[in-house]
């Protein structure tokens, strides 16, 4: 009896540490700080409105990073294969944004966040959460991932990974992209909800 309680508690602890949604691969435990205006994703799964997420967020970490350049991605895990009539489609992931060359600040801001900044706008420019009105309404899980770029700013995105970002946005496979891009596991992540 006690063994099963310990295993259950261990399982709950592991789930509570994840900054990615349950069942998402790759699972990430370290939190990416994402802030829309004055509203931060203070905990995984926090709800936002479309209006609150209309502008690109500020991203960062609460501890300094050692690398020189980072890649940020945001995907919708609850898109539909039928944009015109979401209820008639099948659930699918959708790639919203991939921006490269984020550089970490060397000191934290007033809220204790080491802000990451990039002058780049791609390879997939900012596309805000825009889940359609659905009946019944359901939240879309927007998952944010941060990878260190191998080789820093000089990293060239392999052609196969570049093609995936341009031609496979609907049904986007993060694990396949990570492999094609030659990336290690994401360092940070967080997800939030937006309902259409």
N, C-alpha and C. Protein backbone atom coordinates (compact mmCIF):
# COMPACT_ATOMS: atom_id res chain seq x y z
N UNK A 1 0.82 -1.18 0.00
CA UNK A 1 0.00 0.00 0.00
C UNK A 1 0.87 1.26 0.00
N UNK A 2 1.88 1.30 0.88
CA UNK A 2 2.72 2.49 0.96
C UNK A 2 3.54 2.67 -0.31
N UNK A 3 3.97 1.58 -0.92
CA UNK A 3 4.74 1.67 -2.16
C UNK A 3 3.90 2.34 -3.24
N UNK A 4 2.63 1.95 -3.37
CA UNK A 4 1.78 2.56 -4.39
C UNK A 4 1.54 4.04 -4.10
N UNK A 5 1.45 4.41 -2.83
CA UNK A 5 1.27 5.82 -2.48
C UNK A 5 2.52 6.62 -2.83
N UNK A 6 3.67 6.03 -2.58
CA UNK A 6 4.93 6.70 -2.91
C UNK A 6 5.05 6.87 -4.42
N UNK A 7 4.75 5.81 -5.17
CA UNK A 7 4.81 5.90 -6.62
C UNK A 7 3.83 6.92 -7.16
N UNK A 8 2.64 6.96 -6.58
CA UNK A 8 1.63 7.93 -7.00
C UNK A 8 2.12 9.35 -6.72
N UNK A 9 2.67 9.59 -5.54
CA UNK A 9 3.19 10.91 -5.19
C UNK A 9 4.35 11.30 -6.09
N UNK A 10 5.21 10.34 -6.41
CA UNK A 10 6.33 10.60 -7.30
C UNK A 10 5.82 10.98 -8.68
N UNK A 11 4.83 10.27 -9.17
CA UNK A 11 4.24 10.57 -10.47
C UNK A 11 3.62 11.95 -10.50
N UNK A 12 2.91 12.32 -9.43
CA UNK A 12 2.31 13.65 -9.36
C UNK A 12 3.38 14.73 -9.31
N UNK A 13 4.45 14.48 -8.60
CA UNK A 13 5.55 15.46 -8.53
C UNK A 13 6.16 15.66 -9.91
N UNK A 14 6.35 14.58 -10.65
CA UNK A 14 6.93 14.68 -11.99
C UNK A 14 6.02 15.48 -12.91
N UNK A 15 4.72 15.24 -12.82
CA UNK A 15 3.78 15.97 -13.65
C UNK A 15 3.79 17.45 -13.28
N UNK A 16 3.84 17.74 -11.98
CA UNK A 16 3.78 19.13 -11.54
C UNK A 16 5.03 19.91 -11.92
N UNK A 17 6.15 19.25 -12.17
CA UNK A 17 7.38 19.92 -12.55
C UNK A 17 7.41 20.30 -14.03
N UNK A 18 6.64 19.61 -14.85
CA UNK A 18 6.70 19.84 -16.29
C UNK A 18 6.14 21.21 -16.65
N UNK A 19 6.86 21.90 -17.52
CA UNK A 19 6.40 23.19 -18.04
C UNK A 19 5.70 23.02 -19.38
N UNK A 20 5.70 21.79 -19.88
CA UNK A 20 4.99 21.46 -21.11
C UNK A 20 3.70 20.73 -20.74
N UNK A 21 2.70 20.75 -21.61
CA UNK A 21 1.43 20.08 -21.29
C UNK A 21 1.61 18.58 -21.09
N UNK A 22 0.74 17.96 -20.31
CA UNK A 22 0.81 16.51 -20.10
C UNK A 22 0.80 15.77 -21.44
N UNK A 23 1.72 14.81 -21.57
CA UNK A 23 1.81 14.01 -22.78
C UNK A 23 2.62 14.62 -23.90
N UNK A 24 3.03 15.89 -23.77
CA UNK A 24 3.80 16.55 -24.83
C UNK A 24 5.24 16.07 -24.79
N UNK A 25 5.79 15.83 -25.98
CA UNK A 25 7.18 15.43 -26.12
C UNK A 25 7.88 16.44 -27.02
N UNK A 26 9.03 16.93 -26.62
CA UNK A 26 9.80 16.60 -25.42
C UNK A 26 9.27 17.34 -24.19
N UNK A 27 9.29 16.66 -23.07
CA UNK A 27 8.87 17.25 -21.80
C UNK A 27 10.01 18.13 -21.28
N UNK A 28 9.65 19.29 -20.76
CA UNK A 28 10.65 20.25 -20.28
C UNK A 28 10.26 20.68 -18.87
N UNK A 29 11.23 20.67 -17.96
CA UNK A 29 10.95 21.03 -16.56
C UNK A 29 11.30 22.48 -16.22
N UNK A 30 12.26 23.08 -16.91
CA UNK A 30 12.68 24.45 -16.59
C UNK A 30 11.75 25.45 -17.29
N UNK A 31 11.35 26.48 -16.55
CA UNK A 31 10.34 27.42 -17.04
C UNK A 31 10.93 28.53 -17.88
N UNK A 32 10.29 28.77 -19.03
CA UNK A 32 10.56 29.94 -19.85
C UNK A 32 9.60 31.03 -19.39
N UNK A 33 10.14 32.19 -19.08
CA UNK A 33 9.30 33.31 -18.66
C UNK A 33 8.73 33.96 -19.92
N UNK A 34 7.41 34.03 -20.02
CA UNK A 34 6.73 34.63 -21.15
C UNK A 34 5.76 35.67 -20.60
N UNK A 35 5.88 36.91 -21.09
CA UNK A 35 5.05 38.00 -20.59
C UNK A 35 4.43 38.76 -21.75
N UNK A 36 3.11 38.87 -21.72
CA UNK A 36 2.37 39.67 -22.69
C UNK A 36 1.99 40.99 -22.02
N UNK A 37 2.66 42.07 -22.41
CA UNK A 37 2.41 43.35 -21.76
C UNK A 37 2.78 43.26 -20.30
N UNK A 38 1.80 43.40 -19.42
CA UNK A 38 2.04 43.30 -17.98
C UNK A 38 1.59 41.98 -17.40
N UNK A 39 1.10 41.06 -18.23
CA UNK A 39 0.58 39.79 -17.73
C UNK A 39 1.55 38.65 -18.09
N UNK A 40 2.11 38.05 -17.06
CA UNK A 40 3.06 36.95 -17.25
C UNK A 40 2.35 35.61 -17.21
N UNK A 41 2.93 34.65 -17.90
CA UNK A 41 2.47 33.26 -17.77
C UNK A 41 3.08 32.77 -16.46
N UNK A 42 2.40 33.05 -15.37
CA UNK A 42 2.94 32.78 -14.04
C UNK A 42 2.94 31.30 -13.68
N UNK A 43 2.10 30.53 -14.35
CA UNK A 43 2.07 29.08 -14.14
C UNK A 43 1.64 28.42 -15.44
N UNK A 44 2.09 27.21 -15.71
CA UNK A 44 1.71 26.53 -16.94
C UNK A 44 0.19 26.39 -17.03
N UNK A 45 -0.35 26.67 -18.23
CA UNK A 45 -1.78 26.50 -18.47
C UNK A 45 -2.63 27.70 -18.11
N UNK A 46 -2.00 28.83 -17.76
CA UNK A 46 -2.75 30.03 -17.42
C UNK A 46 -3.57 30.49 -18.64
N UNK A 47 -4.77 31.00 -18.41
CA UNK A 47 -5.65 31.44 -19.50
C UNK A 47 -5.41 32.90 -19.86
N UNK A 48 -5.43 33.16 -21.17
CA UNK A 48 -5.31 34.50 -21.73
C UNK A 48 -6.42 34.70 -22.75
N UNK A 49 -6.68 35.96 -23.12
CA UNK A 49 -7.61 36.25 -24.20
C UNK A 49 -6.81 36.46 -25.48
N UNK A 50 -7.51 36.43 -26.61
CA UNK A 50 -6.85 36.71 -27.88
C UNK A 50 -6.25 38.12 -27.86
N UNK A 51 -6.99 39.07 -27.30
CA UNK A 51 -6.51 40.44 -27.24
C UNK A 51 -5.23 40.55 -26.42
N UNK A 52 -5.17 39.85 -25.29
CA UNK A 52 -3.98 39.90 -24.44
C UNK A 52 -2.75 39.35 -25.14
N UNK A 53 -2.93 38.43 -26.06
CA UNK A 53 -1.80 37.78 -26.72
C UNK A 53 -1.60 38.27 -28.16
N UNK A 54 -2.12 39.45 -28.48
CA UNK A 54 -2.04 39.92 -29.86
C UNK A 54 -0.64 40.41 -30.25
N UNK A 55 0.15 40.82 -29.29
CA UNK A 55 1.52 41.29 -29.58
C UNK A 55 2.54 40.27 -29.10
N UNK A 56 3.66 40.23 -29.80
CA UNK A 56 4.72 39.28 -29.43
C UNK A 56 5.13 39.50 -27.98
N UNK A 57 5.26 38.41 -27.22
CA UNK A 57 5.62 38.55 -25.81
C UNK A 57 7.10 38.82 -25.62
N UNK A 58 7.43 39.21 -24.41
CA UNK A 58 8.82 39.27 -23.96
C UNK A 58 9.12 37.90 -23.35
N UNK A 59 10.29 37.36 -23.67
CA UNK A 59 10.67 36.07 -23.10
C UNK A 59 11.97 36.22 -22.32
N UNK A 60 12.18 35.30 -21.38
CA UNK A 60 13.39 35.34 -20.58
C UNK A 60 13.47 34.18 -19.62
N UNK A 61 14.43 34.24 -18.73
CA UNK A 61 14.65 33.19 -17.73
C UNK A 61 14.93 33.85 -16.38
N UNK A 62 14.75 33.09 -15.31
CA UNK A 62 15.03 33.63 -13.98
C UNK A 62 16.45 33.30 -13.52
N UNK A 63 17.19 32.61 -14.34
CA UNK A 63 18.61 32.36 -14.06
C UNK A 63 19.38 32.63 -15.35
N UNK A 64 20.65 33.05 -15.23
CA UNK A 64 21.41 33.38 -16.44
C UNK A 64 21.65 32.15 -17.32
N UNK A 65 21.68 32.39 -18.62
CA UNK A 65 22.00 31.34 -19.59
C UNK A 65 23.45 31.49 -20.02
N UNK A 66 24.07 30.38 -20.38
CA UNK A 66 25.49 30.40 -20.72
C UNK A 66 25.77 30.56 -22.21
N UNK A 67 24.77 30.26 -23.05
CA UNK A 67 24.98 30.32 -24.50
C UNK A 67 24.89 31.73 -25.04
N UNK A 68 25.09 31.85 -26.36
CA UNK A 68 25.07 33.17 -26.99
C UNK A 68 23.84 33.40 -27.84
N UNK A 69 23.17 32.32 -28.30
CA UNK A 69 22.02 32.50 -29.19
C UNK A 69 21.01 31.37 -28.97
N UNK A 70 19.74 31.75 -29.01
CA UNK A 70 18.65 30.81 -28.70
C UNK A 70 17.53 30.92 -29.72
N UNK A 71 16.83 29.82 -29.91
CA UNK A 71 15.72 29.72 -30.85
C UNK A 71 14.43 29.56 -30.05
N UNK A 72 13.42 30.39 -30.34
CA UNK A 72 12.13 30.35 -29.64
C UNK A 72 11.04 29.90 -30.61
N UNK A 73 10.19 29.01 -30.15
CA UNK A 73 9.09 28.49 -30.96
C UNK A 73 7.81 28.54 -30.15
N UNK A 74 6.70 28.83 -30.85
CA UNK A 74 5.37 28.72 -30.24
C UNK A 74 4.48 27.92 -31.17
N UNK A 75 3.82 26.89 -30.61
CA UNK A 75 2.91 26.06 -31.39
C UNK A 75 1.57 25.94 -30.67
N UNK A 76 0.52 25.74 -31.47
CA UNK A 76 -0.82 25.47 -30.95
C UNK A 76 -1.02 23.96 -31.02
N UNK A 77 -1.24 23.34 -29.88
CA UNK A 77 -1.43 21.88 -29.86
C UNK A 77 -2.86 21.47 -30.18
N UNK A 78 -3.78 22.43 -30.29
CA UNK A 78 -5.20 22.11 -30.43
C UNK A 78 -5.84 22.73 -31.66
N UNK A 79 -5.07 22.89 -32.73
CA UNK A 79 -5.62 23.41 -33.98
C UNK A 79 -6.47 22.32 -34.63
N UNK A 80 -7.12 22.68 -35.71
CA UNK A 80 -7.94 21.73 -36.46
C UNK A 80 -7.43 21.64 -37.89
N UNK A 81 -7.61 20.50 -38.51
CA UNK A 81 -7.23 20.35 -39.91
C UNK A 81 -8.20 21.07 -40.83
N UNK A 82 -9.32 21.57 -40.28
CA UNK A 82 -10.31 22.29 -41.07
C UNK A 82 -10.48 23.68 -40.46
N UNK A 83 -9.79 24.68 -41.04
CA UNK A 83 -9.84 26.03 -40.49
C UNK A 83 -11.23 26.65 -40.64
N UNK A 84 -11.93 26.36 -41.75
CA UNK A 84 -13.24 26.94 -41.99
C UNK A 84 -14.30 26.41 -41.03
N UNK A 85 -14.20 25.13 -40.70
CA UNK A 85 -15.16 24.49 -39.80
C UNK A 85 -14.39 23.59 -38.85
N UNK A 86 -13.80 24.16 -37.79
CA UNK A 86 -12.92 23.39 -36.90
C UNK A 86 -13.53 22.11 -36.36
N UNK A 87 -14.83 22.12 -36.08
CA UNK A 87 -15.48 20.93 -35.54
C UNK A 87 -15.51 19.77 -36.52
N UNK A 88 -15.39 20.07 -37.81
CA UNK A 88 -15.40 19.02 -38.83
C UNK A 88 -14.01 18.46 -39.10
N UNK A 89 -12.98 19.10 -38.55
CA UNK A 89 -11.62 18.64 -38.78
C UNK A 89 -11.11 17.73 -37.67
N UNK A 90 -9.89 17.32 -37.84
CA UNK A 90 -9.21 16.49 -36.84
C UNK A 90 -8.25 17.38 -36.04
N UNK A 91 -8.00 17.03 -34.77
CA UNK A 91 -7.03 17.81 -33.99
C UNK A 91 -5.63 17.72 -34.62
N UNK A 92 -4.93 18.83 -34.60
CA UNK A 92 -3.58 18.87 -35.17
C UNK A 92 -2.79 19.99 -34.51
N UNK A 93 -1.48 19.86 -34.53
CA UNK A 93 -0.63 20.95 -34.07
C UNK A 93 -0.50 21.98 -35.19
N UNK A 94 -0.20 23.21 -34.80
CA UNK A 94 0.03 24.26 -35.79
C UNK A 94 1.21 25.11 -35.33
N UNK A 95 2.18 25.27 -36.21
CA UNK A 95 3.36 26.08 -35.92
C UNK A 95 3.02 27.55 -36.10
N UNK A 96 3.14 28.33 -35.04
CA UNK A 96 2.83 29.76 -35.10
C UNK A 96 4.06 30.61 -35.35
N UNK A 97 5.13 30.37 -34.60
CA UNK A 97 6.26 31.29 -34.61
C UNK A 97 7.57 30.55 -34.35
N UNK A 98 8.60 30.92 -35.07
CA UNK A 98 9.97 30.49 -34.78
C UNK A 98 10.87 31.70 -35.03
N UNK A 99 11.54 32.16 -33.99
CA UNK A 99 12.45 33.29 -34.13
C UNK A 99 13.81 32.90 -33.55
N UNK A 100 14.84 33.22 -34.32
CA UNK A 100 16.19 32.81 -33.95
C UNK A 100 16.99 33.96 -33.35
N UNK A 101 18.18 33.61 -32.91
CA UNK A 101 19.19 34.57 -32.44
C UNK A 101 18.77 35.40 -31.23
N UNK A 102 18.01 34.81 -30.33
CA UNK A 102 17.72 35.50 -29.07
C UNK A 102 18.99 35.49 -28.23
N UNK A 103 19.39 36.67 -27.76
CA UNK A 103 20.58 36.79 -26.90
C UNK A 103 20.12 37.11 -25.48
N UNK A 104 20.73 36.45 -24.50
CA UNK A 104 20.34 36.70 -23.11
C UNK A 104 20.98 37.97 -22.57
N UNK A 105 20.24 38.67 -21.71
CA UNK A 105 20.83 39.81 -21.02
C UNK A 105 21.78 39.29 -19.94
N UNK A 106 22.72 40.12 -19.56
CA UNK A 106 23.72 39.70 -18.57
C UNK A 106 23.29 40.00 -17.15
N UNK A 107 22.23 40.79 -16.99
CA UNK A 107 21.72 41.06 -15.65
C UNK A 107 20.19 41.04 -15.69
N UNK A 108 19.57 40.72 -14.56
CA UNK A 108 18.11 40.62 -14.54
C UNK A 108 17.45 42.00 -14.52
N UNK A 109 16.20 42.04 -15.00
CA UNK A 109 15.42 43.27 -14.91
C UNK A 109 14.84 43.41 -13.50
N UNK A 110 14.00 44.40 -13.28
CA UNK A 110 13.45 44.67 -11.94
C UNK A 110 12.64 43.51 -11.39
N UNK A 111 12.08 42.67 -12.28
CA UNK A 111 11.30 41.52 -11.81
C UNK A 111 12.14 40.25 -11.68
N UNK A 112 13.46 40.37 -11.89
CA UNK A 112 14.34 39.22 -11.73
C UNK A 112 14.47 38.34 -12.95
N UNK A 113 14.07 38.85 -14.12
CA UNK A 113 14.11 38.07 -15.35
C UNK A 113 15.27 38.52 -16.23
N UNK A 114 16.04 37.54 -16.71
CA UNK A 114 17.08 37.79 -17.71
C UNK A 114 16.38 37.76 -19.07
N UNK A 115 16.07 38.93 -19.58
CA UNK A 115 15.29 39.06 -20.81
C UNK A 115 16.13 38.61 -22.00
N UNK A 116 15.49 37.89 -22.91
CA UNK A 116 16.11 37.48 -24.16
C UNK A 116 15.61 38.41 -25.26
N UNK A 117 16.52 38.90 -26.11
CA UNK A 117 16.14 39.81 -27.19
C UNK A 117 16.72 39.33 -28.51
N UNK A 118 15.96 39.58 -29.58
CA UNK A 118 16.42 39.24 -30.92
C UNK A 118 16.02 40.35 -31.88
N UNK A 119 16.91 40.66 -32.82
CA UNK A 119 16.57 41.61 -33.88
C UNK A 119 15.97 40.88 -35.08
N UNK A 120 15.92 39.56 -35.01
CA UNK A 120 15.37 38.76 -36.11
C UNK A 120 13.84 38.73 -36.03
N UNK A 121 13.21 38.41 -37.15
CA UNK A 121 11.75 38.28 -37.19
C UNK A 121 11.34 36.90 -37.70
N UNK A 122 12.26 36.00 -37.83
CA UNK A 122 11.93 34.69 -38.37
C UNK A 122 12.96 33.68 -37.97
N UNK A 123 12.86 32.53 -38.59
CA UNK A 123 12.33 32.19 -39.91
C UNK A 123 10.81 32.14 -40.04
N UNK A 124 10.06 32.06 -38.94
CA UNK A 124 8.59 32.11 -39.02
C UNK A 124 8.17 33.28 -38.13
N UNK A 125 7.77 34.38 -38.75
CA UNK A 125 7.49 35.59 -37.99
C UNK A 125 6.30 35.43 -37.04
N UNK A 126 6.21 36.34 -36.09
CA UNK A 126 5.19 36.30 -35.04
C UNK A 126 3.80 36.20 -35.66
N UNK A 127 3.07 35.18 -35.24
CA UNK A 127 1.68 34.97 -35.63
C UNK A 127 0.91 34.70 -34.34
N UNK A 128 0.10 35.65 -33.89
CA UNK A 128 -0.52 35.54 -32.56
C UNK A 128 -1.54 34.42 -32.47
N UNK A 129 -1.84 33.98 -31.26
CA UNK A 129 -2.91 33.01 -31.05
C UNK A 129 -4.24 33.56 -31.57
N UNK A 130 -4.89 32.79 -32.42
CA UNK A 130 -6.18 33.20 -32.98
C UNK A 130 -7.12 32.02 -33.07
N UNK A 131 -7.36 31.32 -31.96
CA UNK A 131 -8.26 30.18 -32.06
C UNK A 131 -9.66 30.64 -32.47
N UNK A 132 -10.31 29.91 -33.36
CA UNK A 132 -11.65 30.32 -33.80
C UNK A 132 -12.69 30.07 -32.72
N UNK A 133 -13.84 30.71 -32.89
CA UNK A 133 -14.97 30.41 -32.01
C UNK A 133 -15.40 28.98 -32.28
N UNK A 134 -15.54 28.19 -31.25
CA UNK A 134 -15.90 26.78 -31.40
C UNK A 134 -17.08 26.46 -30.50
N UNK A 135 -17.87 25.48 -30.91
CA UNK A 135 -19.03 25.06 -30.12
C UNK A 135 -18.94 23.57 -29.87
N UNK A 136 -18.68 23.14 -28.64
CA UNK A 136 -18.50 23.99 -27.47
C UNK A 136 -17.10 24.63 -27.47
N UNK A 137 -16.96 25.77 -26.80
CA UNK A 137 -15.65 26.41 -26.73
C UNK A 137 -14.65 25.53 -25.98
N UNK A 138 -13.43 25.52 -26.44
CA UNK A 138 -12.38 24.81 -25.70
C UNK A 138 -11.07 25.56 -25.83
N UNK A 139 -10.25 25.50 -24.79
CA UNK A 139 -8.98 26.22 -24.83
C UNK A 139 -7.98 25.55 -25.76
N UNK A 140 -7.18 26.37 -26.41
CA UNK A 140 -6.06 25.89 -27.21
C UNK A 140 -4.81 26.06 -26.36
N UNK A 141 -3.97 25.02 -26.34
CA UNK A 141 -2.73 25.04 -25.55
C UNK A 141 -1.59 25.55 -26.43
N UNK A 142 -1.11 26.74 -26.13
CA UNK A 142 0.01 27.33 -26.87
C UNK A 142 1.29 27.04 -26.09
N UNK A 143 2.15 26.27 -26.72
CA UNK A 143 3.36 25.79 -26.07
C UNK A 143 4.57 26.55 -26.61
N UNK A 144 5.37 27.09 -25.71
CA UNK A 144 6.55 27.87 -26.04
C UNK A 144 7.79 27.07 -25.65
N UNK A 145 8.73 26.98 -26.57
CA UNK A 145 9.96 26.20 -26.35
C UNK A 145 11.18 27.06 -26.67
N UNK A 146 12.25 26.86 -25.93
CA UNK A 146 13.49 27.58 -26.14
C UNK A 146 14.65 26.60 -26.26
N UNK A 147 15.37 26.67 -27.38
CA UNK A 147 16.55 25.83 -27.61
C UNK A 147 17.79 26.71 -27.70
N UNK A 148 18.92 26.16 -27.30
CA UNK A 148 20.19 26.81 -27.59
C UNK A 148 20.55 26.47 -29.03
N UNK A 149 20.98 27.49 -29.78
CA UNK A 149 21.39 27.25 -31.16
C UNK A 149 22.81 26.69 -31.17
N UNK A 150 23.01 25.52 -31.78
CA UNK A 150 24.37 24.99 -31.86
C UNK A 150 25.24 25.93 -32.71
N UNK A 151 26.37 26.31 -32.18
CA UNK A 151 27.24 27.22 -32.93
C UNK A 151 26.86 28.68 -32.78
N UNK A 152 25.92 28.99 -31.89
CA UNK A 152 25.55 30.38 -31.65
C UNK A 152 24.88 31.04 -32.84
N UNK A 153 25.20 32.32 -33.06
CA UNK A 153 24.57 33.09 -34.15
C UNK A 153 24.97 32.58 -35.53
N UNK A 154 26.07 31.87 -35.63
CA UNK A 154 26.51 31.35 -36.91
C UNK A 154 25.76 30.10 -37.36
N UNK A 155 24.87 29.59 -36.54
CA UNK A 155 24.13 28.37 -36.85
C UNK A 155 23.27 28.56 -38.09
N UNK A 156 23.43 27.65 -39.03
CA UNK A 156 22.59 27.65 -40.23
C UNK A 156 21.53 26.58 -40.06
N UNK A 157 20.28 26.95 -40.25
CA UNK A 157 19.18 25.99 -40.13
C UNK A 157 19.27 25.02 -41.29
N UNK A 158 19.39 23.72 -41.02
CA UNK A 158 19.46 22.75 -42.12
C UNK A 158 18.22 22.86 -43.02
N UNK A 159 18.44 22.60 -44.31
CA UNK A 159 17.37 22.77 -45.29
C UNK A 159 16.13 21.96 -44.95
N UNK A 160 16.31 20.72 -44.49
CA UNK A 160 15.13 19.89 -44.18
C UNK A 160 14.30 20.51 -43.06
N UNK A 161 14.97 21.08 -42.05
CA UNK A 161 14.25 21.75 -40.96
C UNK A 161 13.58 23.02 -41.46
N UNK A 162 14.27 23.76 -42.31
CA UNK A 162 13.69 24.97 -42.90
C UNK A 162 12.46 24.66 -43.72
N UNK A 163 12.52 23.58 -44.49
CA UNK A 163 11.36 23.18 -45.29
C UNK A 163 10.17 22.83 -44.39
N UNK A 164 10.43 22.14 -43.29
CA UNK A 164 9.34 21.76 -42.37
C UNK A 164 8.63 23.01 -41.85
N UNK A 165 9.39 24.05 -41.53
CA UNK A 165 8.78 25.26 -40.97
C UNK A 165 7.93 26.00 -41.99
N UNK A 166 8.23 25.82 -43.26
CA UNK A 166 7.48 26.54 -44.30
C UNK A 166 6.34 25.72 -44.88
N UNK A 167 6.50 24.42 -44.97
CA UNK A 167 5.50 23.60 -45.67
C UNK A 167 4.70 22.67 -44.78
N UNK A 168 5.08 22.53 -43.51
CA UNK A 168 4.39 21.60 -42.62
C UNK A 168 3.92 22.28 -41.33
N UNK A 169 3.44 23.51 -41.45
CA UNK A 169 2.97 24.22 -40.26
C UNK A 169 1.79 23.50 -39.61
N UNK A 170 0.85 23.04 -40.43
CA UNK A 170 -0.28 22.27 -39.90
C UNK A 170 0.19 20.83 -39.73
N UNK A 171 0.00 20.29 -38.54
CA UNK A 171 0.50 18.95 -38.25
C UNK A 171 1.98 18.96 -37.90
N UNK A 172 2.50 20.11 -37.48
CA UNK A 172 3.93 20.27 -37.20
C UNK A 172 4.38 19.29 -36.13
N UNK A 173 5.50 18.62 -36.40
CA UNK A 173 6.05 17.62 -35.49
C UNK A 173 7.33 18.19 -34.85
N UNK A 174 7.22 18.58 -33.60
CA UNK A 174 8.34 19.22 -32.91
C UNK A 174 9.54 18.30 -32.81
N UNK A 175 9.32 17.04 -32.45
CA UNK A 175 10.45 16.10 -32.31
C UNK A 175 11.17 15.90 -33.63
N UNK A 176 10.42 15.78 -34.73
CA UNK A 176 11.05 15.61 -36.04
C UNK A 176 11.83 16.87 -36.42
N UNK A 177 11.27 18.03 -36.12
CA UNK A 177 11.98 19.28 -36.39
C UNK A 177 13.27 19.36 -35.59
N UNK A 178 13.19 19.03 -34.31
CA UNK A 178 14.36 19.09 -33.44
C UNK A 178 15.48 18.22 -34.00
N UNK A 179 15.14 17.03 -34.45
CA UNK A 179 16.13 16.12 -35.04
C UNK A 179 16.69 16.70 -36.33
N UNK A 180 15.80 17.17 -37.22
CA UNK A 180 16.24 17.71 -38.51
C UNK A 180 17.10 18.95 -38.33
N UNK A 181 16.82 19.74 -37.30
CA UNK A 181 17.57 20.97 -37.06
C UNK A 181 18.87 20.73 -36.30
N UNK A 182 19.08 19.51 -35.81
CA UNK A 182 20.29 19.20 -35.05
C UNK A 182 20.31 19.86 -33.68
N UNK A 183 19.13 20.02 -33.09
CA UNK A 183 19.02 20.67 -31.78
C UNK A 183 19.00 19.65 -30.66
N UNK A 184 19.59 20.01 -29.53
CA UNK A 184 19.45 19.20 -28.31
C UNK A 184 18.04 19.45 -27.77
N UNK A 185 17.70 18.84 -26.65
CA UNK A 185 16.38 19.06 -26.07
C UNK A 185 16.21 20.52 -25.67
N UNK A 186 14.97 21.01 -25.69
CA UNK A 186 14.73 22.40 -25.27
C UNK A 186 15.20 22.63 -23.84
N UNK A 187 15.71 23.83 -23.59
CA UNK A 187 16.18 24.20 -22.26
C UNK A 187 15.06 24.70 -21.36
N UNK A 188 14.10 25.39 -21.96
CA UNK A 188 13.01 26.01 -21.22
C UNK A 188 11.72 25.86 -22.01
N UNK A 189 10.60 25.95 -21.29
CA UNK A 189 9.28 25.88 -21.94
C UNK A 189 8.23 26.44 -21.00
N UNK A 190 7.08 26.75 -21.55
CA UNK A 190 5.88 27.07 -20.78
C UNK A 190 4.71 27.07 -21.76
N UNK A 191 3.52 26.81 -21.24
CA UNK A 191 2.34 26.84 -22.10
C UNK A 191 1.24 27.64 -21.44
N UNK A 192 0.36 28.17 -22.29
CA UNK A 192 -0.79 28.94 -21.81
C UNK A 192 -1.99 28.59 -22.69
N UNK A 193 -3.16 28.95 -22.22
CA UNK A 193 -4.41 28.67 -22.94
C UNK A 193 -5.01 29.95 -23.51
N UNK A 194 -5.61 29.82 -24.70
CA UNK A 194 -6.44 30.86 -25.28
C UNK A 194 -7.67 30.17 -25.86
N UNK A 195 -8.86 30.68 -25.54
CA UNK A 195 -10.10 30.11 -26.06
C UNK A 195 -10.70 31.07 -27.07
N UNK A 196 -11.15 30.55 -28.21
CA UNK A 196 -11.72 31.38 -29.27
C UNK A 196 -13.10 31.88 -28.93
